[in-house]
Amino acid sequence: MKSVGEEFQKKIIQTARLLDQKLYHKIIPSSSFFKPLFSLFLNGIGWALAFIFLKRCSVPLANGVTKRIIRSRFKGEVPPLSPASLENIAWAKTIRETYIKDGKKVLILILISHPKTTPEEAPMIGKIMWSASEAATSIAPNSKFKILQAIDPFALDSLSFPIASLYAAFMAQGHIALDRQPFERTVLARFIFKKFHYSSIFFRILNSIKQGDLFCMALAGGVAHNARILYTVKEFAHRIYFLGLKNKISKHHLEMNLIKILTQETGCAPITGVLSSKEVQELKTYLIQMGIVLDKTESLVKDLEEELFLETPYRFRFFRALLARLCRNGNALLILPLKHKGEGAVEVGKPVLMSEYEKESEQIIKSFVRQTLNR
């Protein structure tokens, strides 16, 4: 039985999937009685392989296996890093070593931009992951390189059914998996993959970083309109929910209402990254009806316009929660950004060391995300 939260999650995913179908003419594959059973069999193989070659082996071997998996995702030469990128990696390593000498703990987060999932850009996913693994392991060679990977059908729809089943279980066992569509699985599969439910992902990310893993993730996926629906609009709803709306509407309903307003037109804001005059007016009208004063609606809509334009959103809630839990007792979080560029190039940005979350942190994050993760 699905929870209320899952019902809303399903509606949001369906909205994103419909936009995918319109833009990319994707066809949702039909299922059969034997397909889920065969999928579980393949899951078991992937699970066992990851247990042997990632979970129970030495750090160098586990990282080597991960790099081989990444390398299989693109052909040709690995992307060379520019002198500036190499300097930024060396600087990140120096920061870490300096803090360690002072008896402090430095936790590492590798943030990457996410190339589009189109046939033209898809190989770049492997290239940027390869560069991330090389940079991370040169900074801390004795730490395991862990990747955040969505393992639901929506995320793996570009892979063949057998490969997707093997890969999902392999990543679930050896890395940090995220299942955004648990309601799409059979009862048995839901039980097996329960640990990877989207509602618990933040705590698994937190534990991985706390354990000293080199944690690598993209703040958003490779389809801009999906990122805008799943993160930008949802986080906009979260911000205005606490402006006196808590007793008027549930946060889930507020999210869905805003998504409906912004996905009505053919060239809607999540697709174009730009609010049309009609969408601006409907948003302002809705916010005023909810009791938010006119002056406040102006600034709220302006903030939304600025973030919608970006392919990679700010993710303030993620950073706020992460820093609040990690940066205690003198600990610090070292963030290293990687951005993909044209012609298969990858750029390593300047590392940022954060030790707490303050009022000024949001401006730092805004600038950091805009400059280092958006093209």
Protein backbone atom coordinates (compact mmCIF):
# COMPACT_ATOMS: atom_id res chain seq x y z
CA MET A 1 0.00 0.00 0.00
CA LYS A 2 1.41 3.39 -1.00
CA SER A 3 1.74 6.17 1.60
CA VAL A 4 0.37 9.68 1.04
CA GLY A 5 3.93 10.83 0.34
CA GLU A 6 4.34 8.15 -2.33
CA GLU A 7 1.07 9.17 -3.99
CA PHE A 8 2.39 12.70 -4.42
CA GLN A 9 5.81 11.42 -5.49
CA LYS A 10 4.10 9.33 -8.15
CA LYS A 11 2.17 12.34 -9.47
CA ILE A 12 5.33 14.44 -9.67
CA ILE A 13 7.27 11.68 -11.48
CA GLN A 14 4.33 11.21 -13.87
CA THR A 15 4.37 14.94 -14.67
CA ALA A 16 8.10 14.81 -15.44
CA ARG A 17 7.69 11.62 -17.46
CA LEU A 18 4.92 13.14 -19.60
CA LEU A 19 7.19 16.06 -20.46
CA ASP A 20 9.91 13.53 -21.36
CA GLN A 21 7.52 11.69 -23.67
CA LYS A 22 6.50 14.93 -25.43
CA LEU A 23 10.07 16.15 -25.92
CA TYR A 24 11.93 12.89 -26.56
CA HIS A 25 9.11 10.63 -27.77
CA LYS A 26 9.95 8.07 -25.08
CA ILE A 27 7.83 4.93 -24.90
CA ILE A 28 7.22 3.29 -21.54
CA PRO A 29 8.00 -0.43 -22.04
CA SER A 30 5.25 -2.89 -21.23
CA SER A 31 5.73 -5.45 -18.47
CA SER A 32 4.88 -9.13 -18.26
CA PHE A 33 4.50 -11.75 -15.56
CA PHE A 34 8.02 -13.14 -16.01
CA LYS A 35 9.85 -9.83 -16.40
CA PRO A 36 9.82 -8.90 -12.67
CA LEU A 37 10.99 -12.43 -11.75
CA PHE A 38 13.85 -12.31 -14.25
CA SER A 39 14.71 -8.83 -13.00
CA LEU A 40 15.05 -10.14 -9.43
CA PHE A 41 17.32 -12.95 -10.67
CA LEU A 42 19.57 -10.38 -12.40
CA ASN A 43 19.41 -8.19 -9.31
CA GLY A 44 20.80 -11.08 -7.31
CA ILE A 45 23.77 -11.47 -9.67
CA GLY A 46 24.53 -7.75 -9.55
CA TRP A 47 24.20 -7.77 -5.77
CA ALA A 48 26.67 -10.66 -5.40
CA LEU A 49 29.22 -9.11 -7.77
CA ALA A 50 29.17 -5.81 -5.89
CA PHE A 51 29.46 -7.60 -2.53
CA ILE A 52 32.63 -9.37 -3.71
CA PHE A 53 34.30 -6.65 -5.77
CA LEU A 54 33.21 -3.47 -3.97
CA LYS A 55 31.96 -4.05 -0.46
CA ARG A 56 34.34 -6.71 0.89
CA CYS A 57 37.56 -5.94 -0.96
CA SER A 58 40.37 -3.46 -0.36
CA VAL A 59 39.98 0.25 -1.10
CA PRO A 60 42.35 0.25 -4.14
CA LEU A 61 40.56 -2.75 -5.69
CA ALA A 62 37.08 -1.32 -5.04
CA ASN A 63 38.06 2.02 -6.55
CA GLY A 64 39.66 0.23 -9.49
CA VAL A 65 36.46 -1.73 -10.18
CA THR A 66 34.37 1.44 -9.95
CA LYS A 67 36.66 3.16 -12.43
CA ARG A 68 36.37 0.22 -14.84
CA ILE A 69 32.58 0.45 -14.68
CA ILE A 70 32.79 4.18 -15.36
CA ARG A 71 35.29 3.66 -18.20
CA SER A 72 32.88 1.29 -19.93
CA ARG A 73 30.41 4.15 -20.35
CA PHE A 74 32.44 6.00 -22.97
CA LYS A 75 34.79 5.24 -25.85
CA GLY A 76 38.01 6.89 -26.84
CA GLU A 77 40.58 8.68 -24.71
CA VAL A 78 39.93 9.87 -21.18
CA PRO A 79 39.40 13.65 -20.99
CA PRO A 80 42.67 15.49 -20.20
CA LEU A 81 42.50 18.03 -17.39
CA SER A 82 43.71 21.58 -17.89
CA PRO A 83 46.55 23.05 -15.80
CA ALA A 84 43.96 25.12 -13.91
CA SER A 85 41.99 21.95 -13.07
CA LEU A 86 45.12 20.17 -11.85
CA GLU A 87 45.96 23.19 -9.69
CA ASN A 88 42.49 23.08 -8.11
CA ILE A 89 42.87 19.37 -7.32
CA ALA A 90 46.29 20.03 -5.77
CA TRP A 91 44.84 22.91 -3.76
CA ALA A 92 42.03 20.67 -2.45
CA LYS A 93 44.62 18.09 -1.40
CA THR A 94 46.66 20.75 0.41
CA ILE A 95 43.58 22.02 2.27
CA ARG A 96 42.74 18.50 3.42
CA GLU A 97 46.30 17.70 4.54
CA THR A 98 46.61 21.00 6.42
CA TYR A 99 43.42 20.39 8.38
CA ILE A 100 44.41 16.80 9.15
CA LYS A 101 47.76 17.99 10.55
CA ASP A 102 45.82 20.33 12.85
CA GLY A 103 43.88 17.35 14.19
CA LYS A 104 40.64 18.23 12.40
CA LYS A 105 38.47 16.04 10.21
CA VAL A 106 37.85 17.07 6.61
CA LEU A 107 34.96 15.35 4.85
CA ILE A 108 34.88 15.37 1.05
CA LEU A 109 31.98 15.94 -1.35
CA ILE A 110 32.55 15.88 -5.12
CA LEU A 111 29.78 17.74 -6.97
CA ILE A 112 29.40 17.29 -10.72
CA SER A 113 27.25 18.85 -13.39
CA HIS A 114 25.09 16.29 -15.18
CA PRO A 115 25.31 16.10 -19.00
CA LYS A 116 22.08 15.68 -20.92
CA THR A 117 20.92 12.11 -21.41
CA THR A 118 20.65 12.60 -25.18
CA PRO A 119 22.73 10.29 -27.43
CA GLU A 120 25.06 13.20 -28.21
CA GLU A 121 25.89 14.05 -24.59
CA ALA A 122 25.39 10.71 -22.83
CA PRO A 123 29.09 9.65 -23.16
CA MET A 124 30.00 12.79 -21.22
CA ILE A 125 28.38 11.23 -18.14
CA GLY A 126 31.11 8.60 -18.09
CA LYS A 127 33.83 11.17 -18.81
CA ILE A 128 32.89 13.51 -15.98
CA MET A 129 32.52 10.56 -13.58
CA TRP A 130 35.97 9.33 -14.61
CA SER A 131 37.48 12.76 -13.95
CA ALA A 132 35.67 12.91 -10.60
CA SER A 133 37.07 9.53 -9.55
CA GLU A 134 40.60 10.53 -10.60
CA ALA A 135 40.41 13.84 -8.74
CA ALA A 136 38.89 12.31 -5.59
CA THR A 137 41.33 9.42 -5.28
CA SER A 138 44.32 11.71 -5.83
CA ILE A 139 43.11 13.88 -2.92
CA ALA A 140 42.44 10.95 -0.56
CA PRO A 141 43.83 7.69 -2.04
CA ASN A 142 42.91 5.60 1.01
CA SER A 143 39.18 6.38 0.87
CA LYS A 144 36.47 4.60 -1.11
CA PHE A 145 34.91 6.46 -4.00
CA LYS A 146 31.12 6.33 -3.66
CA ILE A 147 28.56 7.51 -6.20
CA LEU A 148 24.93 8.53 -5.79
CA GLN A 149 22.90 6.70 -8.44
CA ALA A 150 19.15 6.64 -8.99
CA ILE A 151 18.12 3.03 -9.70
CA ASP A 152 14.45 3.46 -10.60
CA PRO A 153 13.03 2.81 -14.11
CA PHE A 154 12.80 6.57 -14.73
CA ALA A 155 16.58 6.95 -14.21
CA LEU A 156 17.70 3.83 -16.09
CA ASP A 157 15.30 3.98 -19.04
CA SER A 158 18.18 4.45 -21.51
CA LEU A 159 19.67 1.04 -20.56
CA SER A 160 18.42 -2.33 -21.79
CA PHE A 161 16.29 -4.28 -19.31
CA PRO A 162 18.98 -6.88 -18.35
CA ILE A 163 21.74 -4.28 -17.96
CA ALA A 164 19.46 -1.98 -15.94
CA SER A 165 18.57 -4.83 -13.56
CA LEU A 166 22.22 -5.83 -13.04
CA TYR A 167 23.39 -2.24 -12.72
CA ALA A 168 20.65 -1.24 -10.24
CA ALA A 169 21.59 -3.99 -7.79
CA PHE A 170 25.33 -3.52 -8.31
CA MET A 171 25.09 0.19 -7.46
CA ALA A 172 22.72 -0.48 -4.56
CA GLN A 173 25.17 -2.87 -2.93
CA GLY A 174 28.42 -1.07 -3.72
CA HIS A 175 27.49 2.60 -3.80
CA ILE A 176 24.58 4.80 -2.63
CA ALA A 177 21.35 4.01 -4.47
CA LEU A 178 18.19 6.06 -4.72
CA ASP A 179 14.84 4.52 -5.67
CA ARG A 180 12.42 7.34 -6.57
CA GLN A 181 9.70 4.92 -7.77
CA PRO A 182 9.26 2.19 -5.15
CA PHE A 183 5.57 2.05 -6.10
CA GLU A 184 6.57 0.67 -9.54
CA ARG A 185 8.05 -2.51 -8.02
CA THR A 186 6.39 -5.80 -7.08
CA VAL A 187 5.72 -6.54 -3.40
CA LEU A 188 8.83 -8.73 -3.15
CA ALA A 189 11.03 -6.21 -4.96
CA ARG A 190 9.74 -3.42 -2.71
CA PHE A 191 10.80 -5.44 0.32
CA ILE A 192 14.26 -6.15 -1.14
CA PHE A 193 14.85 -2.54 -2.19
CA LYS A 194 13.18 -0.98 0.86
CA LYS A 195 16.51 0.35 2.16
CA PHE A 196 16.90 2.52 -0.95
CA HIS A 197 13.56 4.34 -0.63
CA TYR A 198 13.88 7.99 -1.69
CA SER A 199 12.73 9.19 1.75
CA SER A 200 15.90 7.87 3.43
CA ILE A 201 18.46 8.99 0.84
CA PHE A 202 19.71 12.02 2.74
CA PHE A 203 20.66 9.94 5.78
CA ARG A 204 22.55 7.41 3.64
CA ILE A 205 24.45 10.24 1.96
CA LEU A 206 25.21 11.66 5.39
CA ASN A 207 26.46 8.33 6.75
CA SER A 208 28.65 7.71 3.71
CA ILE A 209 30.38 11.09 4.04
CA LYS A 210 30.72 10.67 7.81
CA GLN A 211 32.47 7.34 7.24
CA GLY A 212 35.10 9.14 5.19
CA ASP A 213 34.00 8.01 1.74
CA LEU A 214 34.78 10.21 -1.24
CA PHE A 215 31.17 10.99 -2.01
CA CYS A 216 30.26 12.04 -5.56
CA MET A 217 26.88 13.29 -6.74
CA ALA A 218 25.11 15.61 -9.15
CA LEU A 219 22.76 18.16 -7.59
CA ALA A 220 20.31 17.43 -10.40
CA GLY A 221 19.86 14.97 -13.25
CA GLY A 222 20.63 15.38 -16.93
CA VAL A 223 17.17 16.55 -18.02
CA ALA A 224 16.71 20.21 -17.14
CA HIS A 225 12.90 20.20 -16.94
CA ASN A 226 12.96 17.22 -14.56
CA ALA A 227 15.42 19.02 -12.27
CA ARG A 228 13.22 22.09 -12.29
CA ILE A 229 10.13 20.08 -11.34
CA LEU A 230 11.75 17.74 -8.81
CA TYR A 231 13.94 20.35 -7.11
CA THR A 232 13.48 24.01 -8.10
CA VAL A 233 9.68 24.17 -7.91
CA LYS A 234 9.46 21.81 -4.92
CA GLU A 235 12.01 23.85 -2.97
CA PHE A 236 10.20 27.05 -3.93
CA ALA A 237 7.07 25.49 -2.41
CA HIS A 238 9.05 24.60 0.72
CA ARG A 239 10.19 28.22 1.15
CA ILE A 240 6.73 29.76 0.85
CA TYR A 241 5.11 27.02 2.96
CA PHE A 242 6.71 28.54 6.05
CA LEU A 243 5.43 32.04 5.27
CA GLY A 244 2.19 31.47 7.17
CA LEU A 245 0.74 28.68 4.99
CA LYS A 246 1.26 25.77 7.38
CA ASN A 247 -2.32 25.93 8.71
CA LYS A 248 -3.87 26.57 5.30
CA ILE A 249 -2.58 23.78 3.07
CA SER A 250 -0.38 20.69 3.21
CA LYS A 251 3.08 21.03 1.70
CA HIS A 252 2.35 18.18 -0.75
CA HIS A 253 -0.76 19.94 -2.07
CA LEU A 254 1.13 23.22 -2.30
CA GLU A 255 3.87 21.53 -4.36
CA MET A 256 1.36 19.95 -6.74
CA ASN A 257 -0.58 23.20 -7.18
CA LEU A 258 2.58 25.08 -8.12
CA ILE A 259 3.70 22.32 -10.48
CA LYS A 260 0.28 22.39 -12.18
CA ILE A 261 0.50 26.16 -12.66
CA LEU A 262 3.96 25.84 -14.20
CA THR A 263 3.32 22.86 -16.51
CA GLN A 264 0.11 23.91 -18.30
CA GLU A 265 1.58 25.45 -21.44
CA THR A 266 3.34 23.56 -24.24
CA GLY A 267 6.46 25.67 -23.74
CA CYS A 268 6.14 25.73 -19.96
CA ALA A 269 8.71 27.18 -17.54
CA PRO A 270 10.32 23.83 -16.59
CA ILE A 271 11.12 23.26 -20.28
CA THR A 272 12.22 26.77 -21.26
CA GLY A 273 13.69 27.88 -17.95
CA VAL A 274 11.77 31.14 -18.35
CA LEU A 275 8.45 32.14 -16.76
CA SER A 276 5.95 33.42 -19.31
CA SER A 277 3.90 36.54 -18.46
CA LYS A 278 0.86 34.28 -18.00
CA GLU A 279 2.73 32.02 -15.57
CA VAL A 280 4.02 35.02 -13.63
CA GLN A 281 0.50 36.40 -13.29
CA GLU A 282 -0.99 33.05 -12.26
CA LEU A 283 1.77 32.51 -9.71
CA LYS A 284 1.28 35.94 -8.16
CA THR A 285 -2.50 35.51 -8.10
CA TYR A 286 -2.18 32.13 -6.41
CA LEU A 287 0.29 33.40 -3.79
CA ILE A 288 -1.92 36.39 -2.98
CA GLN A 289 -4.95 34.08 -2.66
CA MET A 290 -2.93 32.01 -0.19
CA GLY A 291 -2.42 35.15 1.93
CA ILE A 292 1.09 36.23 0.96
CA VAL A 293 1.39 40.03 0.66
CA LEU A 294 1.98 41.58 -2.76
CA ASP A 295 5.48 42.94 -2.03
CA LYS A 296 6.61 39.51 -0.90
CA THR A 297 5.18 37.77 -3.97
CA GLU A 298 7.24 40.07 -6.23
CA SER A 299 10.54 39.05 -4.61
CA LEU A 300 9.54 35.36 -4.40
CA VAL A 301 8.68 35.15 -8.10
CA LYS A 302 11.89 36.99 -9.01
CA ASP A 303 13.95 34.48 -6.99
CA LEU A 304 12.14 31.61 -8.74
CA GLU A 305 12.83 33.17 -12.17
CA GLU A 306 16.55 33.35 -11.42
CA GLU A 307 16.78 29.73 -10.30
CA LEU A 308 14.53 28.31 -13.03
CA PHE A 309 16.97 29.59 -15.64
CA LEU A 310 19.69 27.27 -14.25
CA GLU A 311 20.03 23.61 -15.24
CA THR A 312 21.54 22.85 -11.82
CA PRO A 313 19.46 24.26 -8.93
CA TYR A 314 20.83 25.63 -5.66
CA ARG A 315 19.51 22.85 -3.37
CA PHE A 316 19.61 25.06 -0.25
CA ARG A 317 17.76 22.52 1.90
CA PHE A 318 20.28 19.82 1.07
CA PHE A 319 23.27 22.00 1.97
CA ARG A 320 21.63 23.36 5.11
CA ALA A 321 20.86 19.90 6.47
CA LEU A 322 24.21 18.45 5.41
CA LEU A 323 26.33 21.19 6.98
CA ALA A 324 24.26 21.24 10.17
CA ARG A 325 24.97 17.55 10.75
CA LEU A 326 28.50 17.23 9.39
CA CYS A 327 30.26 20.37 10.54
CA ARG A 328 30.29 19.78 14.26
CA ASN A 329 33.21 19.57 16.69
CA GLY A 330 35.46 21.46 14.32
CA ASN A 331 34.77 19.25 11.28
CA ALA A 332 34.70 20.82 7.81
CA LEU A 333 33.23 19.84 4.44
CA LEU A 334 35.51 20.20 1.42
CA ILE A 335 33.46 20.57 -1.77
CA LEU A 336 35.13 20.08 -5.16
CA PRO A 337 33.06 20.90 -8.29
CA LEU A 338 33.44 19.42 -11.77
CA LYS A 339 31.68 20.79 -14.83
CA HIS A 340 31.41 19.26 -18.29
CA LYS A 341 32.16 21.51 -21.26
CA GLY A 342 32.00 21.31 -25.03
CA GLU A 343 34.04 18.83 -27.08
CA GLY A 344 34.26 16.30 -24.25
CA ALA A 345 36.22 18.50 -21.83
CA VAL A 346 35.85 18.49 -18.06
CA GLU A 347 36.76 21.41 -15.82
CA VAL A 348 37.59 21.06 -12.12
CA GLY A 349 36.54 24.20 -10.25
CA LYS A 350 38.00 25.80 -7.17
CA PRO A 351 37.36 23.84 -3.96
CA VAL A 352 35.27 25.39 -1.20
CA LEU A 353 35.69 24.58 2.49
CA MET A 354 32.57 25.05 4.62
CA SER A 355 32.47 24.61 8.38
CA GLU A 356 28.94 25.83 9.19
CA TYR A 357 25.71 27.14 7.71
CA GLU A 358 25.08 30.83 8.32
CA LYS A 359 22.92 33.54 6.76
CA GLU A 360 25.72 34.33 4.33
CA SER A 361 25.96 30.66 3.30
CA GLU A 362 23.07 30.92 0.85
CA GLN A 363 24.84 33.66 -1.10
CA ILE A 364 28.02 31.55 -1.13
CA ILE A 365 26.06 28.53 -2.41
CA LYS A 366 24.27 30.63 -5.05
CA SER A 367 27.55 31.93 -6.40
CA PHE A 368 29.23 28.52 -6.15
CA VAL A 369 26.47 26.65 -8.03
CA ARG A 370 26.12 29.31 -10.73
CA GLN A 371 29.81 29.61 -11.45
CA THR A 372 31.03 26.04 -11.05
CA LEU A 373 28.14 23.72 -12.01
CA ASN A 374 26.10 25.64 -14.59
CA ARG A 375 27.30 26.15 -18.16
